[in-house]
Amino acid sequence: MEKNQPKKKFNAGAVSATVWENQATNKTTGQPVSYNTISLQRGYKDKDGNWQSTNSLRVADIPKAILVLQKAYEDLTLREFEGTGSKDKGSNNMTNTTEEEIVM
C-alpha cells in the first residue's frame, strides 16, 4: 500500500501546518471519497542537536500556529471555490508537494 504524502505545507518559523488528502469509502454508497486533513507540528532540536517534532506548542508559537492554520484553511477553501476541491492536479508524491514559508 502506498504511503500518503503531504499535499501542501505552510511554515512559520518552526511551526508548520501540513495538508493531507485522504481516501476512504462512503459507508452508505460504497463509493470512494477523498477528504483533507491538516496536521500541526512544531520542530525543535533535542539535546544532541537532532531535529524532532511535537504537537505541543509554547505560548510564543500560538500566533504562528494561527497563521499557518489560516493559510491552510484559505488554500483549501479557495481550491473548493475554484471548483477543484480536493481533486488537485498532479500526483500525490512529495516531489509535487508545495511548501510555503511565511515570514513574520
Protein backbone atom coordinates (compact mmCIF):
# COMPACT_ATOMS: atom_id res chain seq x y z
CA MET A 1 0.00 0.00 0.00
CA GLU A 2 1.34 3.44 -0.95
CA LYS A 3 2.11 5.85 1.89
CA ASN A 4 0.07 9.06 1.85
CA GLN A 5 2.24 12.08 1.03
CA PRO A 6 1.62 15.70 2.06
CA LYS A 7 -0.32 17.84 -0.41
CA LYS A 8 0.92 21.21 0.84
CA LYS A 9 2.87 22.56 3.81
CA PHE A 10 2.83 26.02 5.39
CA ASN A 11 5.71 27.08 7.68
CA ALA A 12 6.16 29.99 10.06
CA GLY A 13 9.46 29.52 11.82
CA ALA A 14 9.45 26.11 13.49
CA VAL A 15 5.64 25.77 13.33
CA SER A 16 4.05 24.05 10.34
CA ALA A 17 0.62 23.03 9.11
CA THR A 18 0.58 20.18 6.62
CA VAL A 19 -2.40 19.49 4.35
CA TRP A 20 -3.10 15.82 3.60
CA GLU A 21 -5.51 14.33 1.10
CA ASN A 22 -7.03 11.09 2.37
CA GLN A 23 -9.08 8.42 0.64
CA ALA A 24 -11.98 6.47 2.13
CA THR A 25 -15.11 4.61 1.11
CA ASN A 26 -18.54 6.06 1.76
CA LYS A 27 -20.25 3.61 4.15
CA THR A 28 -23.68 4.24 2.63
CA THR A 29 -22.91 4.22 -1.09
CA GLY A 30 -19.64 2.29 -1.18
CA GLN A 31 -18.19 4.99 -3.45
CA PRO A 32 -14.62 6.22 -2.97
CA VAL A 33 -14.36 9.68 -1.43
CA SER A 34 -11.44 11.96 -0.67
CA TYR A 35 -11.13 14.45 2.15
CA ASN A 36 -8.46 16.75 3.53
CA THR A 37 -6.94 16.88 6.98
CA ILE A 38 -4.41 19.28 8.49
CA SER A 39 -1.68 18.33 10.94
CA LEU A 40 0.07 20.91 13.12
CA GLN A 41 3.66 20.48 14.33
CA ARG A 42 6.50 22.39 15.94
CA GLY A 43 10.08 21.46 15.17
CA TYR A 44 12.86 21.62 17.75
CA LYS A 45 16.38 20.36 18.29
CA ASP A 46 16.94 17.79 21.03
CA LYS A 47 19.90 17.79 23.42
CA ASP A 48 22.01 16.01 20.78
CA GLY A 49 21.20 18.62 18.12
CA ASN A 50 18.87 16.35 16.12
CA TRP A 51 15.62 17.76 14.74
CA GLN A 52 12.46 16.39 16.34
CA SER A 53 8.80 17.36 16.08
CA THR A 54 5.99 17.73 18.58
CA ASN A 55 2.34 18.71 18.66
CA SER A 56 2.91 20.73 21.85
CA LEU A 57 3.14 24.48 21.44
CA ARG A 58 4.71 27.17 23.57
CA VAL A 59 2.83 30.42 24.16
CA ALA A 60 5.04 32.20 21.59
CA ASP A 61 4.13 29.54 18.99
CA ILE A 62 0.39 30.28 19.11
CA PRO A 63 0.42 33.26 16.69
CA LYS A 64 2.47 31.19 14.22
CA ALA A 65 0.07 28.26 14.59
CA ILE A 66 -2.89 30.54 13.93
CA LEU A 67 -1.17 31.92 10.83
CA VAL A 68 -0.24 28.56 9.26
CA LEU A 69 -3.68 27.11 10.04
CA GLN A 70 -5.34 30.15 8.47
CA LYS A 71 -3.18 29.79 5.35
CA ALA A 72 -4.05 26.09 5.08
CA TYR A 73 -7.74 26.89 5.51
CA GLU A 74 -7.56 29.65 2.87
CA ASP A 75 -5.81 27.32 0.43
CA LEU A 76 -8.40 24.56 0.87
CA THR A 77 -11.33 27.00 0.74
CA LEU A 78 -10.04 28.74 -2.39
CA ARG A 79 -9.37 25.36 -4.03
CA GLU A 80 -13.01 24.35 -3.39
CA PHE A 81 -14.25 27.75 -4.59
CA GLU A 82 -12.28 27.40 -7.82
CA GLY A 83 -14.02 24.07 -8.40
CA THR A 84 -11.03 21.81 -7.91
CA GLY A 85 -12.00 20.73 -4.39
CA SER A 86 -9.68 18.08 -3.04
CA LYS A 87 -9.01 16.77 -6.55
CA ASP A 88 -5.78 18.71 -7.03
CA LYS A 89 -3.91 18.33 -10.32
CA GLY A 90 -0.73 16.32 -10.27
CA SER A 91 0.34 13.22 -8.43
CA ASN A 92 0.29 12.84 -4.68
CA ASN A 93 4.01 12.46 -4.04
CA MET A 94 6.47 14.56 -2.07
CA THR A 95 8.16 15.98 -5.16
CA ASN A 96 4.89 17.74 -6.04
CA THR A 97 4.21 18.97 -2.51
CA THR A 98 4.11 22.73 -2.30
CA GLU A 99 5.79 24.25 0.72
CA GLU A 100 5.31 27.89 1.69
CA GLU A 101 7.46 29.73 4.20
CA ILE A 102 5.62 32.52 5.98
CA VAL A 103 7.82 35.33 7.29
CA MET A 104 6.67 37.05 10.44
